[in-house]
Amino acid sequence: DSGLFLQSANEQIDIRHNQIEANIGKGIDIEVVHGIPIVPTNVGRAGLISATIRDNVITAQRNGAEQGDGIELTGFEDVFAPLDNAALNLLNVLAINNFIDSNEGRGVDLLNIGNGAMQIRFGDGTDQGRNTIVGNQLDGFRVVNTGALNQEGVQDGVPDAATQFLGVTQELATDDSLYSPDMMLDVSRNTIRDNGIGL
């Protein structure tokens, strides 16, 4: 469930000047996956997504089967290739001058799993590039960088007080020592305030 959902192994996308409002689930949901399997291993070619998210209003997403997050970015990698980083998926995203508010889930949710690799930049250090992330029910900006392959199922559920106290996702998944996710994250000169009002 999303306003805009992209799951791809090879994509360059510019998401610009949109009003993304009142969707059930995510406003923008981007996931990188492997491409066409190749012999002899039948492991798909490494995925690469380069995305720019700019000048959007992302507001009032509602919880459904998944949390109503403004933006969710997911890097998932279950290939074990310690000597060949070129075989691993990469998600590269620049987000500037977005207004992300009043979502029932998180403002921004970053999830990097297994051997996933992400290069994420929110804001460019200028006032013109400032993202405004305000008034979301859960975290304004959440980051999970884990070797646990089953974290995605934990992350995406709607909080339940019986299992996730006060709507805060617990680390219920178990890390796998074979995997080491890689994330480069730059969050510069944004406004992030008045979130967690539903906690």
C-alpha atoms as a PDB file:
ATOM      1  CA  ASP A   1       0.000   0.000   0.000  1.00  0.00           C
ATOM      2  CA  SER A   2       1.557   3.290  -1.104  1.00  0.00           C
ATOM      3  CA  GLY A   3       0.957   6.513  -2.916  1.00  0.00           C
ATOM      4  CA  LEU A   4       4.080   5.829  -4.955  1.00  0.00           C
ATOM      5  CA  PHE A   5       5.724   2.388  -4.771  1.00  0.00           C
ATOM      6  CA  LEU A   6       8.960   1.534  -6.579  1.00  0.00           C
ATOM      7  CA  GLN A   7      10.597  -1.888  -6.336  1.00  0.00           C
ATOM      8  CA  SER A   8      13.341  -2.232  -8.901  1.00  0.00           C
ATOM      9  CA  ALA A   9      16.798  -3.548  -9.687  1.00  0.00           C
ATOM     10  CA  ASN A  10      17.789  -0.702 -12.012  1.00  0.00           C
ATOM     11  CA  GLU A  11      16.164   2.690 -11.855  1.00  0.00           C
ATOM     12  CA  GLN A  12      16.878   6.406 -12.048  1.00  0.00           C
ATOM     13  CA  ILE A  13      13.916   8.413 -10.823  1.00  0.00           C
ATOM     14  CA  ASP A  14      13.135  12.038 -10.003  1.00  0.00           C
ATOM     15  CA  ILE A  15      10.079  12.543  -7.760  1.00  0.00           C
ATOM     16  CA  ARG A  16       9.351  16.257  -7.898  1.00  0.00           C
ATOM     17  CA  HIS A  17       6.572  18.811  -7.255  1.00  0.00           C
ATOM     18  CA  ASN A  18       3.900  16.376  -6.020  1.00  0.00           C
ATOM     19  CA  GLN A  19       1.144  16.536  -3.421  1.00  0.00           C
ATOM     20  CA  ILE A  20       1.193  13.012  -1.910  1.00  0.00           C
ATOM     21  CA  GLU A  21      -1.688  12.952   0.531  1.00  0.00           C
ATOM     22  CA  ALA A  22      -3.971  10.629   2.527  1.00  0.00           C
ATOM     23  CA  ASN A  23      -2.814   7.315   1.093  1.00  0.00           C
ATOM     24  CA  ILE A  24      -3.287   4.033   2.996  1.00  0.00           C
ATOM     25  CA  GLY A  25       0.286   2.964   3.841  1.00  0.00           C
ATOM     26  CA  LYS A  26       3.394   4.797   2.647  1.00  0.00           C
ATOM     27  CA  GLY A  27       3.448   8.079   0.792  1.00  0.00           C
ATOM     28  CA  ILE A  28       6.645   7.116  -1.063  1.00  0.00           C
ATOM     29  CA  ASP A  29       8.037   3.566  -0.771  1.00  0.00           C
ATOM     30  CA  ILE A  30      11.305   2.699  -2.580  1.00  0.00           C
ATOM     31  CA  GLU A  31      12.931  -0.752  -2.385  1.00  0.00           C
ATOM     32  CA  VAL A  32      16.014  -1.988  -4.243  1.00  0.00           C
ATOM     33  CA  VAL A  33      16.093  -5.668  -5.268  1.00  0.00           C
ATOM     34  CA  HIS A  34      18.217  -7.969  -7.441  1.00  0.00           C
ATOM     35  CA  GLY A  35      17.731  -8.140 -11.174  1.00  0.00           C
ATOM     36  CA  ILE A  36      17.772 -11.017 -13.666  1.00  0.00           C
ATOM     37  CA  PRO A  37      19.487 -14.153 -12.294  1.00  0.00           C
ATOM     38  CA  ILE A  38      22.821 -15.020 -13.873  1.00  0.00           C
ATOM     39  CA  VAL A  39      24.680 -18.319 -14.098  1.00  0.00           C
ATOM     40  CA  PRO A  40      26.393 -20.141 -12.514  1.00  0.00           C
ATOM     41  CA  THR A  41      25.080 -18.939  -9.144  1.00  0.00           C
ATOM     42  CA  ASN A  42      21.586 -17.882 -10.278  1.00  0.00           C
ATOM     43  CA  VAL A  43      21.970 -14.856  -8.030  1.00  0.00           C
ATOM     44  CA  GLY A  44      20.401 -11.825  -9.667  1.00  0.00           C
ATOM     45  CA  ARG A  45      22.525  -8.964 -10.884  1.00  0.00           C
ATOM     46  CA  ALA A  46      23.042  -6.353  -8.182  1.00  0.00           C
ATOM     47  CA  GLY A  47      20.338  -3.717  -8.044  1.00  0.00           C
ATOM     48  CA  LEU A  48      21.037   0.022  -8.272  1.00  0.00           C
ATOM     49  CA  ILE A  49      18.458   2.739  -7.675  1.00  0.00           C
ATOM     50  CA  SER A  50      19.340   6.437  -7.852  1.00  0.00           C
ATOM     51  CA  ALA A  51      16.462   8.656  -6.742  1.00  0.00           C
ATOM     52  CA  THR A  52      15.898  12.353  -6.138  1.00  0.00           C
ATOM     53  CA  ILE A  53      12.931  13.354  -3.964  1.00  0.00           C
ATOM     54  CA  ARG A  54      12.419  17.110  -4.022  1.00  0.00           C
ATOM     55  CA  ASP A  55       9.823  19.854  -3.649  1.00  0.00           C
ATOM     56  CA  ASN A  56       7.014  17.507  -2.539  1.00  0.00           C
ATOM     57  CA  VAL A  57       4.305  17.803   0.096  1.00  0.00           C
ATOM     58  CA  ILE A  58       3.909  14.377   1.741  1.00  0.00           C
ATOM     59  CA  THR A  59       1.122  14.537   4.265  1.00  0.00           C
ATOM     60  CA  ALA A  60      -1.584  12.604   6.126  1.00  0.00           C
ATOM     61  CA  GLN A  61      -0.739   9.022   5.104  1.00  0.00           C
ATOM     62  CA  ARG A  62      -2.896   6.611   7.092  1.00  0.00           C
ATOM     63  CA  ASN A  63      -2.164   3.251   8.664  1.00  0.00           C
ATOM     64  CA  GLY A  64      -3.389   0.187   6.799  1.00  0.00           C
ATOM     65  CA  ALA A  65      -1.704  -3.202   6.546  1.00  0.00           C
ATOM     66  CA  GLU A  66       1.500  -1.160   6.891  1.00  0.00           C
ATOM     67  CA  GLN A  67       2.276   2.005   8.822  1.00  0.00           C
ATOM     68  CA  GLY A  68       1.357   5.301   7.230  1.00  0.00           C
ATOM     69  CA  ASP A  69       4.925   6.596   6.867  1.00  0.00           C
ATOM     70  CA  GLY A  70       5.693   9.661   4.755  1.00  0.00           C
ATOM     71  CA  ILE A  71       8.774   8.136   3.093  1.00  0.00           C
ATOM     72  CA  GLU A  72      10.174   4.628   3.500  1.00  0.00           C
ATOM     73  CA  LEU A  73      13.476   3.619   1.863  1.00  0.00           C
ATOM     74  CA  THR A  74      14.563  -0.035   2.032  1.00  0.00           C
ATOM     75  CA  GLY A  75      17.851  -1.638   1.079  1.00  0.00           C
ATOM     76  CA  PHE A  76      17.601  -5.437   1.294  1.00  0.00           C
ATOM     77  CA  GLU A  77      20.476  -7.770   0.516  1.00  0.00           C
ATOM     78  CA  ASP A  78      20.607 -11.485   1.344  1.00  0.00           C
ATOM     79  CA  VAL A  79      23.579 -12.294  -0.926  1.00  0.00           C
ATOM     80  CA  PHE A  80      26.705 -13.182   1.039  1.00  0.00           C
ATOM     81  CA  ALA A  81      29.581 -11.738  -1.018  1.00  0.00           C
ATOM     82  CA  PRO A  82      32.321 -10.580   1.380  1.00  0.00           C
ATOM     83  CA  LEU A  83      34.929 -10.227  -1.379  1.00  0.00           C
ATOM     84  CA  ASP A  84      32.751  -8.651  -4.053  1.00  0.00           C
ATOM     85  CA  ASN A  85      30.877  -5.523  -3.011  1.00  0.00           C
ATOM     86  CA  ALA A  86      29.916  -4.942  -6.643  1.00  0.00           C
ATOM     87  CA  ALA A  87      27.566  -7.917  -6.268  1.00  0.00           C
ATOM     88  CA  LEU A  88      25.517  -6.104  -3.614  1.00  0.00           C
ATOM     89  CA  ASN A  89      22.463  -3.885  -4.014  1.00  0.00           C
ATOM     90  CA  LEU A  90      22.828  -0.096  -3.640  1.00  0.00           C
ATOM     91  CA  LEU A  91      20.145   2.519  -2.955  1.00  0.00           C
ATOM     92  CA  ASN A  92      21.260   6.126  -3.520  1.00  0.00           C
ATOM     93  CA  VAL A  93      18.783   8.885  -2.566  1.00  0.00           C
ATOM     94  CA  LEU A  94      18.878  12.682  -2.303  1.00  0.00           C
ATOM     95  CA  ALA A  95      15.882  14.354  -0.617  1.00  0.00           C
ATOM     96  CA  ILE A  96      15.613  18.151  -0.546  1.00  0.00           C
ATOM     97  CA  ASN A  97      12.937  20.763   0.111  1.00  0.00           C
ATOM     98  CA  ASN A  98      10.151  18.348   1.045  1.00  0.00           C
ATOM     99  CA  PHE A  99       7.383  19.030   3.572  1.00  0.00           C
ATOM    100  CA  ILE A 100       6.588  15.798   5.436  1.00  0.00           C
ATOM    101  CA  ASP A 101       3.883  16.196   8.053  1.00  0.00           C
ATOM    102  CA  SER A 102       0.874  14.735   9.850  1.00  0.00           C
ATOM    103  CA  ASN A 103       1.468  11.130   8.822  1.00  0.00           C
ATOM    104  CA  GLU A 104       0.066   8.410  11.087  1.00  0.00           C
ATOM    105  CA  GLY A 105       3.361   6.535  10.957  1.00  0.00           C
ATOM    106  CA  ARG A 106       6.879   7.954  10.768  1.00  0.00           C
ATOM    107  CA  GLY A 107       7.972  10.972   8.806  1.00  0.00           C
ATOM    108  CA  VAL A 108      10.958   9.151   7.285  1.00  0.00           C
ATOM    109  CA  ASP A 109      11.808   5.472   7.769  1.00  0.00           C
ATOM    110  CA  LEU A 110      15.174   4.081   6.590  1.00  0.00           C
ATOM    111  CA  LEU A 111      15.624   0.312   6.705  1.00  0.00           C
ATOM    112  CA  ASN A 112      18.867  -1.346   5.582  1.00  0.00           C
ATOM    113  CA  ILE A 113      18.909  -5.133   5.971  1.00  0.00           C
ATOM    114  CA  GLY A 114      21.452  -7.931   5.607  1.00  0.00           C
ATOM    115  CA  ASN A 115      24.320  -6.829   3.364  1.00  0.00           C
ATOM    116  CA  GLY A 116      22.342  -3.881   2.025  1.00  0.00           C
ATOM    117  CA  ALA A 117      24.123  -0.679   1.010  1.00  0.00           C
ATOM    118  CA  MET A 118      22.509   2.752   1.156  1.00  0.00           C
ATOM    119  CA  GLN A 119      23.785   6.264   0.455  1.00  0.00           C
ATOM    120  CA  ILE A 120      21.155   8.670   1.766  1.00  0.00           C
ATOM    121  CA  ARG A 121      21.248  12.446   1.938  1.00  0.00           C
ATOM    122  CA  PHE A 122      18.447  14.514   3.506  1.00  0.00           C
ATOM    123  CA  GLY A 123      19.054  18.217   2.991  1.00  0.00           C
ATOM    124  CA  ASP A 124      22.021  19.737   1.163  1.00  0.00           C
ATOM    125  CA  GLY A 125      23.217  22.137   3.853  1.00  0.00           C
ATOM    126  CA  THR A 126      21.296  25.122   2.445  1.00  0.00           C
ATOM    127  CA  ASP A 127      18.050  26.763   3.506  1.00  0.00           C
ATOM    128  CA  GLN A 128      16.683  26.127   0.014  1.00  0.00           C
ATOM    129  CA  GLY A 129      17.305  22.399   0.393  1.00  0.00           C
ATOM    130  CA  ARG A 130      15.853  22.137   3.911  1.00  0.00           C
ATOM    131  CA  ASN A 131      13.324  19.333   4.516  1.00  0.00           C
ATOM    132  CA  THR A 132      10.608  20.045   7.061  1.00  0.00           C
ATOM    133  CA  ILE A 133       9.523  16.944   9.018  1.00  0.00           C
ATOM    134  CA  VAL A 134       6.908  17.882  11.609  1.00  0.00           C
ATOM    135  CA  GLY A 135       3.852  16.596  13.427  1.00  0.00           C
ATOM    136  CA  ASN A 136       4.113  12.897  12.527  1.00  0.00           C
ATOM    137  CA  GLN A 137       2.517  10.416  14.921  1.00  0.00           C
ATOM    138  CA  LEU A 138       5.656   8.272  15.367  1.00  0.00           C
ATOM    139  CA  ASP A 139       9.364   9.072  14.895  1.00  0.00           C
ATOM    140  CA  GLY A 140      10.222  12.049  12.723  1.00  0.00           C
ATOM    141  CA  PHE A 141      13.261  10.255  11.286  1.00  0.00           C
ATOM    142  CA  ARG A 142      13.989   6.592  12.035  1.00  0.00           C
ATOM    143  CA  VAL A 143      17.040   4.578  10.959  1.00  0.00           C
ATOM    144  CA  VAL A 144      17.480   0.799  11.241  1.00  0.00           C
ATOM    145  CA  ASN A 145      20.746  -0.636   9.924  1.00  0.00           C
ATOM    146  CA  THR A 146      20.863  -4.351  10.746  1.00  0.00           C
ATOM    147  CA  GLY A 147      22.160  -7.722   9.628  1.00  0.00           C
ATOM    148  CA  ALA A 148      18.844  -9.303  10.648  1.00  0.00           C
ATOM    149  CA  LEU A 149      17.121 -10.522   7.487  1.00  0.00           C
ATOM    150  CA  ASN A 150      13.716 -10.770   9.157  1.00  0.00           C
ATOM    151  CA  GLN A 151      13.679  -7.147  10.356  1.00  0.00           C
ATOM    152  CA  GLU A 152      11.419  -6.000   7.521  1.00  0.00           C
ATOM    153  CA  GLY A 153       8.413  -7.843   8.898  1.00  0.00           C
ATOM    154  CA  VAL A 154       9.019  -6.317  12.327  1.00  0.00           C
ATOM    155  CA  GLN A 155       9.504  -2.807  10.965  1.00  0.00           C
ATOM    156  CA  ASP A 156       6.453  -2.613   8.747  1.00  0.00           C
ATOM    157  CA  GLY A 157       3.696  -3.631  11.135  1.00  0.00           C
ATOM    158  CA  VAL A 158       1.321  -1.138  12.666  1.00  0.00           C
ATOM    159  CA  PRO A 159       2.386  -0.659  16.322  1.00  0.00           C
ATOM    160  CA  ASP A 160       0.463  -2.759  18.817  1.00  0.00           C
ATOM    161  CA  ALA A 161       0.713  -1.886  22.494  1.00  0.00           C
ATOM    162  CA  ALA A 162       0.895  -5.584  23.361  1.00  0.00           C
ATOM    163  CA  THR A 163       4.154  -6.081  21.443  1.00  0.00           C
ATOM    164  CA  GLN A 164       5.542  -2.609  20.739  1.00  0.00           C
ATOM    165  CA  PHE A 165       5.238  -0.456  23.834  1.00  0.00           C
ATOM    166  CA  LEU A 166       3.844   3.005  23.112  1.00  0.00           C
ATOM    167  CA  GLY A 167       4.272   2.514  19.356  1.00  0.00           C
ATOM    168  CA  VAL A 168       8.066   2.244  19.465  1.00  0.00           C
ATOM    169  CA  THR A 169       9.331  -0.618  17.309  1.00  0.00           C
ATOM    170  CA  GLN A 170      11.427  -3.011  19.345  1.00  0.00           C
ATOM    171  CA  GLU A 171      14.411  -4.900  17.886  1.00  0.00           C
ATOM    172  CA  LEU A 172      12.629  -8.255  17.729  1.00  0.00           C
ATOM    173  CA  ALA A 173      14.768  -9.670  14.929  1.00  0.00           C
ATOM    174  CA  THR A 174      18.095 -11.429  15.514  1.00  0.00           C
ATOM    175  CA  ASP A 175      21.272 -10.280  13.778  1.00  0.00           C
ATOM    176  CA  ASP A 176      22.967 -12.722  11.431  1.00  0.00           C
ATOM    177  CA  SER A 177      26.750 -12.572  11.883  1.00  0.00           C
ATOM    178  CA  LEU A 178      27.311 -13.307   8.166  1.00  0.00           C
ATOM    179  CA  TYR A 179      25.842  -9.944   7.176  1.00  0.00           C
ATOM    180  CA  SER A 180      27.145  -6.426   7.629  1.00  0.00           C
ATOM    181  CA  PRO A 181      24.969  -3.613   6.229  1.00  0.00           C
ATOM    182  CA  ASP A 182      26.635  -0.439   4.959  1.00  0.00           C
ATOM    183  CA  MET A 183      24.942   2.947   5.245  1.00  0.00           C
ATOM    184  CA  MET A 184      26.233   6.444   4.511  1.00  0.00           C
ATOM    185  CA  LEU A 185      23.750   8.955   5.946  1.00  0.00           C
ATOM    186  CA  ASP A 186      23.934  12.753   5.787  1.00  0.00           C
ATOM    187  CA  VAL A 187      21.111  14.703   7.460  1.00  0.00           C
ATOM    188  CA  SER A 188      22.004  18.384   7.152  1.00  0.00           C
ATOM    189  CA  ARG A 189      20.096  21.574   7.967  1.00  0.00           C
ATOM    190  CA  ASN A 190      16.576  20.168   8.154  1.00  0.00           C
ATOM    191  CA  THR A 191      13.722  21.062  10.472  1.00  0.00           C
ATOM    192  CA  ILE A 192      12.629  17.962  12.445  1.00  0.00           C
ATOM    193  CA  ARG A 193      10.309  18.783  15.335  1.00  0.00           C
ATOM    194  CA  ASP A 194       7.050  18.020  17.127  1.00  0.00           C
ATOM    195  CA  ASN A 195       7.015  14.374  16.031  1.00  0.00           C
ATOM    196  CA  GLY A 196       6.117  11.357  18.159  1.00  0.00           C
ATOM    197  CA  ILE A 197       2.817  12.922  19.140  1.00  0.00           C
ATOM    198  CA  GLY A 198       1.197   9.468  19.077  1.00  0.00           C
ATOM    199  CA  LEU A 199       3.806   7.826  21.336  1.00  0.00           C
END
